[in-house]
Every structure is written in C-alpha cells, then in structure tokens.
Amino acid sequence: MPIHIKAESSDLADSVLLPGNPERAEYIAEEFLDEPELYNDYRKLLGYTGFFDGTKVSVQTTGMGVPSANIIMEELNMLRVSRVVRVGTCGALSEGLNLADLVLPQSAATIGTGINKIGEKAILSPASNFSLMRKLWKSAEKNSIPIHVGQVVTSDYFYEVDSEIIKKLANHGVLAAEMETAGIFNKASKFGIEAASVLTVSDLFFEEERASRKKIVEGVDRMTKIVLESLTEDS
C-alpha cells in the first residue's frame, strides 16, 4: 500500500497531472476542475480529483527533485494510474525561448542523478509517450499556443549547477533545465504508464532573469489548458 499518497485507487482518475509545487496543485484543482476533492495532504503532497468537461482527472504533487518524484510514481503505479503528465517550470537554455513560453520534452538528459544508469556501460534514455505528446502538440496548435519541442535536462542541482556543463548541453540543442522529468519518464517506462511533460519557462538561465509571479501564472494557465484538453479529448 502507498505510504505517502494516502488514498485508494478509486480516489484517483486514470489520468493525473503532476505539478511539483503543492500550491500549483491546489491552484489547478480550484481554477480548472469542477467538484475538486482533496484525497491526500500527507507531507503537503496535495492530491485532488475533480472533473474537466465531465471527465474525471486527478492532480498530484510530486515535490521537488527526482527522488521525491520517483516515490510518487511508484505509488501511482500501486494505485493503478495509467497516464501522467508533468506540469512544471523550467530554466531556458535556448536563445529561442522567452519567459512563459511552453516546452514539450521528447526526452530528458540528466545532471547528477543516476536514475537512468542501469549498468556500468548502459544508460537508459526513456522518452515521452508519442501518442500523448502528439495530443499535447495538437491541442497547443488548436489553441494557437506556441510550444517548443525537444530535449530537456533534469538536474539534481538548482543553485550549484555547473555552468560549463549547461553550456555544453545548450550547444547540443537542449532546450531547458528542470528537476523531475527524467525520473517520471524512467518510472513510467518501467511500469508501462503513458507519460509526458509540459513545462513553462520561469527563468532565462544565461541572462539570469526570472519571470514575475503573474508571468508564470500566464504560462501555467496555457500549459494546464492544453494538458487537460489532451487528457480528456477521447473520453
């Protein structure tokens, strides 16, 4: 039985949005879902289930970083969830990204975390579920919301990240840095869960510029809209 998500399988929907921030989970539940009900508040890993256009959807906080996200993914598997989408923020590495832009990761490189190392000479590279990513892309296109598709990097470090490594990744076309996507993709690959990630740019890494709270909310609203539409379109 799950230790950190104190719920039954019936409390959750098949499809779950995964914000890192509990305040964002609460915001999404209250602003986008009808009849949201809190099913978990243990350790502030807030979880809500409600309805979007008549379809049952859940929102579950992952906390910060791969270890916390991994715990949540393990327990979501115990609760028989079949589809997850990370909804979070990221620091832009590409000059083509602006504050509050949306990023749709195809895959996630890593800095620090050993999550994808499965042997001395073997590195796993789990990717986003293509069908789910395609739905997200189409939803963004339908709503005239620009979205950047490519690789991101999941880092264990927030303040002490090696800027030279970040520059090398940027030179190889990595769009942005964040802290959970690789862990979510890894566990989803292991458990056969459909997974994707949508990120809104909260920081410009090389310019050392951070978006205002209002600007971040603008990106979160666009991101949440396309994710919810994508998760409920076939229902």
Protein backbone atom coordinates (compact mmCIF):
# COMPACT_ATOMS: atom_id res chain seq x y z
CA MET A 1 0.00 0.00 0.00
CA PRO A 2 1.20 3.55 -0.68
CA ILE A 3 2.84 5.29 2.27
CA HIS A 4 2.85 8.89 1.03
CA ILE A 5 -0.32 9.01 -1.08
CA LYS A 6 -2.90 8.02 1.49
CA ALA A 7 -5.67 7.07 -0.92
CA GLU A 8 -7.43 4.19 -2.61
CA SER A 9 -7.31 3.52 -6.35
CA SER A 10 -10.92 4.67 -6.62
CA ASP A 11 -9.94 8.11 -5.29
CA LEU A 12 -7.80 8.84 -8.35
CA ALA A 13 -8.57 9.14 -12.05
CA ASP A 14 -6.72 7.16 -14.71
CA SER A 15 -5.06 10.40 -15.86
CA VAL A 16 -3.02 12.52 -13.46
CA LEU A 17 -1.34 15.92 -13.76
CA LEU A 18 1.94 16.11 -11.82
CA PRO A 19 3.00 19.57 -10.59
CA GLY A 20 5.98 19.72 -8.28
CA ASN A 21 4.58 22.57 -6.21
CA PRO A 22 1.65 21.84 -3.85
CA GLU A 23 0.38 25.40 -4.31
CA ARG A 24 0.20 24.74 -8.05
CA ALA A 25 -1.73 21.52 -7.46
CA GLU A 26 -4.25 23.45 -5.37
CA TYR A 27 -4.45 26.23 -7.99
CA ILE A 28 -5.07 23.81 -10.86
CA ALA A 29 -7.73 21.94 -8.89
CA GLU A 30 -9.58 25.08 -7.88
CA GLU A 31 -9.28 27.02 -11.13
CA PHE A 32 -9.71 24.26 -13.74
CA LEU A 33 -11.62 21.34 -12.21
CA ASP A 34 -15.27 21.01 -11.29
CA GLU A 35 -16.07 19.49 -7.89
CA PRO A 36 -12.43 19.03 -6.83
CA GLU A 37 -11.95 16.87 -3.75
CA LEU A 38 -8.76 16.59 -1.72
CA TYR A 39 -7.72 12.94 -1.37
CA ASN A 40 -4.24 13.46 0.07
CA ASP A 41 -2.47 16.09 2.16
CA TYR A 42 0.20 13.97 3.81
CA ARG A 43 3.51 15.87 3.90
CA LYS A 44 1.80 18.53 1.76
CA LEU A 45 1.88 16.14 -1.21
CA LEU A 46 -1.53 17.50 -2.11
CA GLY A 47 -3.71 15.38 -4.36
CA TYR A 48 -7.08 16.33 -5.83
CA THR A 49 -9.62 14.64 -8.07
CA GLY A 50 -12.29 16.51 -9.98
CA PHE A 51 -13.83 16.80 -13.42
CA PHE A 52 -12.83 18.64 -16.59
CA ASP A 53 -15.59 18.77 -19.22
CA GLY A 54 -17.25 15.88 -17.43
CA THR A 55 -14.14 13.66 -17.35
CA LYS A 56 -12.52 12.58 -14.09
CA VAL A 57 -8.98 13.93 -13.70
CA SER A 58 -6.53 14.00 -10.79
CA VAL A 59 -3.73 16.40 -9.82
CA GLN A 60 -0.93 15.04 -7.63
CA THR A 61 2.01 16.97 -6.17
CA THR A 62 5.39 15.30 -6.74
CA GLY A 63 7.58 17.57 -4.63
CA MET A 64 10.99 18.77 -5.81
CA GLY A 65 13.59 16.60 -7.49
CA VAL A 66 13.87 13.08 -8.87
CA PRO A 67 13.83 11.19 -5.51
CA SER A 68 10.51 12.73 -4.49
CA ALA A 69 9.00 12.32 -7.97
CA ASN A 70 10.13 8.68 -8.01
CA ILE A 71 8.29 7.96 -4.76
CA ILE A 72 5.11 9.45 -6.20
CA MET A 73 5.45 7.47 -9.45
CA GLU A 74 5.98 4.22 -7.53
CA GLU A 75 2.83 4.87 -5.51
CA LEU A 76 0.78 5.98 -8.51
CA ASN A 77 1.66 2.64 -10.07
CA MET A 78 0.40 0.91 -6.90
CA LEU A 79 -2.82 2.90 -7.33
CA ARG A 80 -3.09 1.70 -10.96
CA VAL A 81 -2.83 5.08 -12.69
CA SER A 82 -2.35 4.69 -16.45
CA ARG A 83 -1.37 8.17 -17.70
CA VAL A 84 0.62 11.08 -16.23
CA VAL A 85 1.76 14.49 -17.42
CA ARG A 86 4.28 16.59 -15.52
CA VAL A 87 3.23 20.25 -15.43
CA GLY A 88 6.11 22.34 -14.16
CA THR A 89 8.55 25.17 -14.70
CA CYS A 90 11.99 25.24 -16.27
CA GLY A 91 15.00 27.41 -16.93
CA ALA A 92 15.50 28.17 -20.62
CA LEU A 93 18.87 27.30 -22.18
CA SER A 94 17.92 28.11 -25.77
CA GLU A 95 18.02 31.65 -27.12
CA GLY A 96 14.73 30.93 -28.87
CA LEU A 97 12.82 30.65 -25.58
CA ASN A 98 11.20 33.53 -23.72
CA LEU A 99 9.65 33.79 -20.28
CA ALA A 100 6.30 31.92 -20.02
CA ASP A 101 6.93 30.01 -23.27
CA LEU A 102 5.93 26.33 -23.23
CA VAL A 103 8.31 23.39 -23.73
CA LEU A 104 7.23 19.86 -24.72
CA PRO A 105 10.11 17.49 -23.87
CA GLN A 106 10.71 14.49 -26.11
CA SER A 107 13.31 13.14 -23.68
CA ALA A 108 15.38 14.25 -20.70
CA ALA A 109 19.14 14.14 -20.20
CA THR A 110 20.40 14.18 -16.60
CA ILE A 111 22.90 16.03 -14.41
CA GLY A 112 23.79 14.43 -11.10
CA THR A 113 21.04 11.86 -10.81
CA GLY A 114 21.86 8.26 -11.63
CA ILE A 115 18.23 7.43 -12.39
CA ASN A 116 18.89 6.30 -15.98
CA LYS A 117 22.07 4.29 -15.31
CA ILE A 118 21.17 0.60 -15.48
CA GLY A 119 24.67 -0.84 -15.65
CA GLU A 120 28.33 0.09 -15.89
CA LYS A 121 28.08 0.65 -19.64
CA ALA A 122 24.33 1.11 -20.11
CA ILE A 123 22.38 4.35 -19.87
CA LEU A 124 18.62 4.24 -20.32
CA SER A 125 17.06 7.09 -22.28
CA PRO A 126 13.28 6.93 -21.72
CA ALA A 127 11.20 9.27 -23.84
CA SER A 128 7.80 10.84 -23.73
CA ASN A 129 4.89 8.70 -24.92
CA PHE A 130 4.48 9.63 -28.59
CA SER A 131 0.68 9.37 -28.72
CA LEU A 132 0.29 11.58 -25.66
CA MET A 133 2.90 14.06 -26.87
CA ARG A 134 1.11 14.27 -30.22
CA LYS A 135 -2.18 15.10 -28.47
CA LEU A 136 -0.45 17.84 -26.50
CA TRP A 137 1.09 19.28 -29.64
CA LYS A 138 -2.25 19.25 -31.45
CA SER A 139 -4.01 20.91 -28.52
CA ALA A 140 -1.41 23.69 -28.44
CA GLU A 141 -1.77 24.15 -32.19
CA LYS A 142 -5.58 24.25 -31.98
CA ASN A 143 -5.40 26.92 -29.27
CA SER A 144 -2.72 28.91 -31.16
CA ILE A 145 -0.30 28.42 -28.26
CA PRO A 146 3.35 28.24 -29.40
CA ILE A 147 5.19 25.24 -27.94
CA HIS A 148 8.84 24.21 -28.33
CA VAL A 149 9.58 20.50 -28.80
CA GLY A 150 12.95 18.95 -27.97
CA GLN A 151 15.21 17.57 -25.25
CA VAL A 152 15.46 18.98 -21.74
CA VAL A 153 17.85 18.17 -18.90
CA THR A 154 16.80 17.05 -15.43
CA SER A 155 19.26 18.27 -12.81
CA ASP A 156 19.79 17.37 -9.16
CA TYR A 157 21.23 20.84 -8.67
CA PHE A 158 19.41 24.15 -8.53
CA TYR A 159 21.94 26.65 -7.15
CA GLU A 160 25.23 24.80 -7.71
CA VAL A 161 24.77 23.53 -11.26
CA ASP A 162 27.98 23.57 -13.36
CA SER A 163 27.50 26.38 -15.89
CA GLU A 164 30.06 24.83 -18.25
CA ILE A 165 28.05 21.60 -18.42
CA ILE A 166 24.90 23.64 -19.03
CA LYS A 167 26.63 25.47 -21.90
CA LYS A 168 27.68 22.17 -23.47
CA LEU A 169 24.12 20.87 -23.24
CA ALA A 170 22.77 24.08 -24.76
CA ASN A 171 25.27 23.73 -27.60
CA HIS A 172 23.80 20.28 -28.28
CA GLY A 173 20.32 21.73 -28.59
CA VAL A 174 18.97 21.03 -25.11
CA LEU A 175 16.13 23.50 -24.63
CA ALA A 176 15.76 23.85 -20.88
CA ALA A 177 16.71 22.58 -17.42
CA GLU A 178 14.33 21.31 -14.73
CA MET A 179 14.26 18.78 -11.87
CA GLU A 180 11.74 15.94 -12.33
CA THR A 181 11.01 14.90 -15.94
CA ALA A 182 13.74 12.23 -16.31
CA GLY A 183 12.60 10.49 -13.14
CA ILE A 184 8.97 10.49 -14.25
CA PHE A 185 9.84 9.15 -17.72
CA ASN A 186 12.07 6.47 -16.16
CA LYS A 187 9.41 5.11 -13.83
CA ALA A 188 6.72 5.39 -16.50
CA SER A 189 8.88 3.32 -18.84
CA LYS A 190 9.39 0.70 -16.13
CA PHE A 191 5.71 0.44 -15.24
CA GLY A 192 4.14 0.86 -18.68
CA ILE A 193 2.50 4.15 -17.76
CA GLU A 194 1.94 6.69 -20.55
CA ALA A 195 3.91 9.82 -19.64
CA ALA A 196 4.61 13.26 -21.00
CA SER A 197 5.81 16.58 -19.64
CA VAL A 198 4.87 20.18 -20.37
CA LEU A 199 6.95 22.99 -18.91
CA THR A 200 6.59 26.74 -18.75
CA VAL A 201 9.72 28.90 -18.78
CA SER A 202 10.18 30.61 -15.41
CA ASP A 203 13.83 31.60 -15.87
CA LEU A 204 16.32 32.50 -18.59
CA PHE A 205 19.43 30.67 -17.34
CA PHE A 206 22.18 32.59 -19.11
CA GLU A 207 20.52 36.00 -18.70
CA GLU A 208 19.85 35.29 -15.00
CA GLU A 209 16.32 36.62 -15.45
CA ARG A 210 13.27 35.28 -13.61
CA ALA A 211 9.64 35.79 -14.59
CA SER A 212 7.24 37.62 -12.32
CA ARG A 213 4.63 35.56 -10.49
CA LYS A 214 1.99 36.96 -12.86
CA LYS A 215 4.00 35.91 -15.91
CA ILE A 216 4.49 32.40 -14.55
CA VAL A 217 0.75 32.07 -13.93
CA GLU A 218 0.11 33.03 -17.56
CA GLY A 219 2.31 30.16 -18.68
CA VAL A 220 0.80 27.76 -16.16
CA ASP A 221 -2.72 28.59 -17.38
CA ARG A 222 -1.81 27.90 -21.01
CA MET A 223 0.04 24.74 -20.05
CA THR A 224 -2.81 23.40 -17.92
CA LYS A 225 -5.41 24.14 -20.60
CA ILE A 226 -3.68 22.09 -23.29
CA VAL A 227 -2.88 19.22 -20.89
CA LEU A 228 -6.44 18.90 -19.64
CA GLU A 229 -7.83 19.06 -23.17
CA SER A 230 -5.39 16.38 -24.29
CA LEU A 231 -6.17 14.04 -21.41
CA THR A 232 -9.93 14.27 -21.85
CA GLU A 233 -10.41 14.51 -25.62
CA ASP A 234 -11.18 10.80 -26.11
CA SER A 235 -13.47 10.49 -23.11
